[in-house]
Amino acid sequence: MKQRLTFFPLLAATLCFLPLACSNKNIETAKLREAFASAGDGPKQQLDQALADIEASNYVAAIEPLRKVAYTVKMNVTQRKLLEDTMTKVKAKASQQK
């Protein structure tokens, strides 16, 4: 009985702090880079510039190249979803930088 009483609080504490320990504060750029590997030269340069800004934690500067990519590249559903998710994260980080 005593083992159960110590097990449940430990389990509850682990479940409460697990999301905090596993959260990633960085924006994942590898998936976006892979999804747009076959993009043309113009959009590819814009995307590379945006990803370089993200990796340098310059989120404010990354917004405009991402926006240009969104308006100039014909995308499939997966690419659009990745780009939208990345833009949302970048805008949130940029608002914290200001």
C-alpha atoms as a PDB file:
ATOM      1  CA  MET A   1       0.000   0.000   0.000  1.00  0.00           C
ATOM      2  CA  LYS A   2       2.789   2.388   0.886  1.00  0.00           C
ATOM      3  CA  GLN A   3       4.472   1.743  -2.474  1.00  0.00           C
ATOM      4  CA  ARG A   4       1.304   2.798  -4.274  1.00  0.00           C
ATOM      5  CA  LEU A   5       1.129   5.984  -2.269  1.00  0.00           C
ATOM      6  CA  THR A   6       4.624   6.965  -3.354  1.00  0.00           C
ATOM      7  CA  PHE A   7       4.178   5.771  -6.935  1.00  0.00           C
ATOM      8  CA  PHE A   8       1.165   7.911  -7.816  1.00  0.00           C
ATOM      9  CA  PRO A   9       2.607  11.277  -6.731  1.00  0.00           C
ATOM     10  CA  LEU A  10       5.805  10.492  -8.632  1.00  0.00           C
ATOM     11  CA  LEU A  11       3.787   9.552 -11.698  1.00  0.00           C
ATOM     12  CA  ALA A  12       1.711  12.709 -11.431  1.00  0.00           C
ATOM     13  CA  ALA A  13       4.810  14.885 -11.043  1.00  0.00           C
ATOM     14  CA  THR A  14       6.461  13.223 -14.026  1.00  0.00           C
ATOM     15  CA  LEU A  15       3.401  13.743 -16.201  1.00  0.00           C
ATOM     16  CA  CYS A  16       3.166  17.394 -15.187  1.00  0.00           C
ATOM     17  CA  PHE A  17       6.777  18.235 -15.958  1.00  0.00           C
ATOM     18  CA  LEU A  18       7.238  16.060 -19.039  1.00  0.00           C
ATOM     19  CA  PRO A  19       5.838  18.628 -21.501  1.00  0.00           C
ATOM     20  CA  LEU A  20       8.108  21.290 -20.049  1.00  0.00           C
ATOM     21  CA  ALA A  21      11.192  19.135 -20.411  1.00  0.00           C
ATOM     22  CA  CYS A  22      10.388  18.082 -23.968  1.00  0.00           C
ATOM     23  CA  SER A  23       9.392  21.477 -25.335  1.00  0.00           C
ATOM     24  CA  ASN A  24      11.678  22.838 -27.997  1.00  0.00           C
ATOM     25  CA  LYS A  25      12.173  26.583 -27.965  1.00  0.00           C
ATOM     26  CA  ASN A  26      13.802  26.583 -31.408  1.00  0.00           C
ATOM     27  CA  ILE A  27      12.018  26.527 -34.741  1.00  0.00           C
ATOM     28  CA  GLU A  28      12.660  23.395 -36.796  1.00  0.00           C
ATOM     29  CA  THR A  29      14.097  24.419 -40.174  1.00  0.00           C
ATOM     30  CA  ALA A  30      15.234  21.062 -41.542  1.00  0.00           C
ATOM     31  CA  LYS A  31      11.736  19.903 -42.493  1.00  0.00           C
ATOM     32  CA  LEU A  32      11.017  23.159 -44.296  1.00  0.00           C
ATOM     33  CA  ARG A  33      14.356  23.048 -46.102  1.00  0.00           C
ATOM     34  CA  GLU A  34      13.652  19.455 -47.192  1.00  0.00           C
ATOM     35  CA  ALA A  35      10.109  20.232 -48.336  1.00  0.00           C
ATOM     36  CA  PHE A  36      11.279  23.066 -50.597  1.00  0.00           C
ATOM     37  CA  ALA A  37      14.434  21.390 -51.922  1.00  0.00           C
ATOM     38  CA  SER A  38      13.092  21.433 -55.478  1.00  0.00           C
ATOM     39  CA  ALA A  39      12.011  25.089 -55.468  1.00  0.00           C
ATOM     40  CA  GLY A  40      13.295  27.403 -58.184  1.00  0.00           C
ATOM     41  CA  ASP A  41      16.314  29.676 -57.745  1.00  0.00           C
ATOM     42  CA  GLY A  42      14.412  32.841 -56.755  1.00  0.00           C
ATOM     43  CA  PRO A  43      12.196  31.249 -54.111  1.00  0.00           C
ATOM     44  CA  LYS A  44      15.075  29.057 -52.976  1.00  0.00           C
ATOM     45  CA  GLN A  45      17.212  32.137 -52.275  1.00  0.00           C
ATOM     46  CA  GLN A  46      14.365  33.752 -50.324  1.00  0.00           C
ATOM     47  CA  LEU A  47      13.832  30.575 -48.328  1.00  0.00           C
ATOM     48  CA  ASP A  48      17.552  30.185 -47.621  1.00  0.00           C
ATOM     49  CA  GLN A  49      17.681  33.802 -46.419  1.00  0.00           C
ATOM     50  CA  ALA A  50      14.679  33.264 -44.138  1.00  0.00           C
ATOM     51  CA  LEU A  51      16.078  30.035 -42.719  1.00  0.00           C
ATOM     52  CA  ALA A  52      19.463  31.649 -42.111  1.00  0.00           C
ATOM     53  CA  ASP A  53      17.711  34.463 -40.232  1.00  0.00           C
ATOM     54  CA  ILE A  54      15.750  31.935 -38.166  1.00  0.00           C
ATOM     55  CA  GLU A  55      18.883  29.985 -37.292  1.00  0.00           C
ATOM     56  CA  ALA A  56      20.549  33.267 -36.279  1.00  0.00           C
ATOM     57  CA  SER A  57      17.489  34.072 -34.092  1.00  0.00           C
ATOM     58  CA  ASN A  58      16.733  37.137 -36.209  1.00  0.00           C
ATOM     59  CA  TYR A  59      13.020  36.424 -36.434  1.00  0.00           C
ATOM     60  CA  VAL A  60      11.955  39.922 -37.469  1.00  0.00           C
ATOM     61  CA  ALA A  61      14.141  39.739 -40.597  1.00  0.00           C
ATOM     62  CA  ALA A  62      12.843  36.260 -41.458  1.00  0.00           C
ATOM     63  CA  ILE A  63       9.222  37.333 -41.851  1.00  0.00           C
ATOM     64  CA  GLU A  64       9.540  39.135 -45.190  1.00  0.00           C
ATOM     65  CA  PRO A  65      11.438  36.376 -47.080  1.00  0.00           C
ATOM     66  CA  LEU A  66       8.957  33.786 -45.783  1.00  0.00           C
ATOM     67  CA  ARG A  67       6.075  35.967 -46.941  1.00  0.00           C
ATOM     68  CA  LYS A  68       7.653  36.280 -50.400  1.00  0.00           C
ATOM     69  CA  VAL A  69       8.026  32.505 -50.615  1.00  0.00           C
ATOM     70  CA  ALA A  70       4.385  32.083 -49.610  1.00  0.00           C
ATOM     71  CA  TYR A  71       3.211  34.345 -52.422  1.00  0.00           C
ATOM     72  CA  THR A  72       5.556  33.260 -55.217  1.00  0.00           C
ATOM     73  CA  VAL A  73       5.796  29.471 -54.922  1.00  0.00           C
ATOM     74  CA  LYS A  74       3.110  27.046 -55.998  1.00  0.00           C
ATOM     75  CA  MET A  75       2.957  24.592 -53.081  1.00  0.00           C
ATOM     76  CA  ASN A  76       1.358  21.298 -52.256  1.00  0.00           C
ATOM     77  CA  VAL A  77      -0.640  20.828 -49.056  1.00  0.00           C
ATOM     78  CA  THR A  78       2.326  19.597 -47.008  1.00  0.00           C
ATOM     79  CA  GLN A  79       4.550  22.471 -48.066  1.00  0.00           C
ATOM     80  CA  ARG A  80       1.826  25.015 -47.349  1.00  0.00           C
ATOM     81  CA  LYS A  81       1.196  23.546 -43.882  1.00  0.00           C
ATOM     82  CA  LEU A  82       4.916  23.572 -43.014  1.00  0.00           C
ATOM     83  CA  LEU A  83       5.322  27.137 -44.252  1.00  0.00           C
ATOM     84  CA  GLU A  84       2.241  28.357 -42.372  1.00  0.00           C
ATOM     85  CA  ASP A  85       3.379  26.667 -39.155  1.00  0.00           C
ATOM     86  CA  THR A  86       6.860  28.143 -39.499  1.00  0.00           C
ATOM     87  CA  MET A  87       5.498  31.612 -40.224  1.00  0.00           C
ATOM     88  CA  THR A  88       3.246  31.420 -37.166  1.00  0.00           C
ATOM     89  CA  LYS A  89       6.176  30.440 -34.952  1.00  0.00           C
ATOM     90  CA  VAL A  90       8.436  33.115 -36.450  1.00  0.00           C
ATOM     91  CA  LYS A  91       5.801  35.824 -35.950  1.00  0.00           C
ATOM     92  CA  ALA A  92       5.356  34.765 -32.336  1.00  0.00           C
ATOM     93  CA  LYS A  93       9.112  34.871 -31.718  1.00  0.00           C
ATOM     94  CA  ALA A  94       9.410  38.205 -33.571  1.00  0.00           C
ATOM     95  CA  SER A  95       6.765  39.771 -31.353  1.00  0.00           C
ATOM     96  CA  GLN A  96       8.839  38.747 -28.338  1.00  0.00           C
ATOM     97  CA  GLN A  97      11.982  40.303 -29.858  1.00  0.00           C
ATOM     98  CA  LYS A  98      10.487  43.754 -30.378  1.00  0.00           C
END
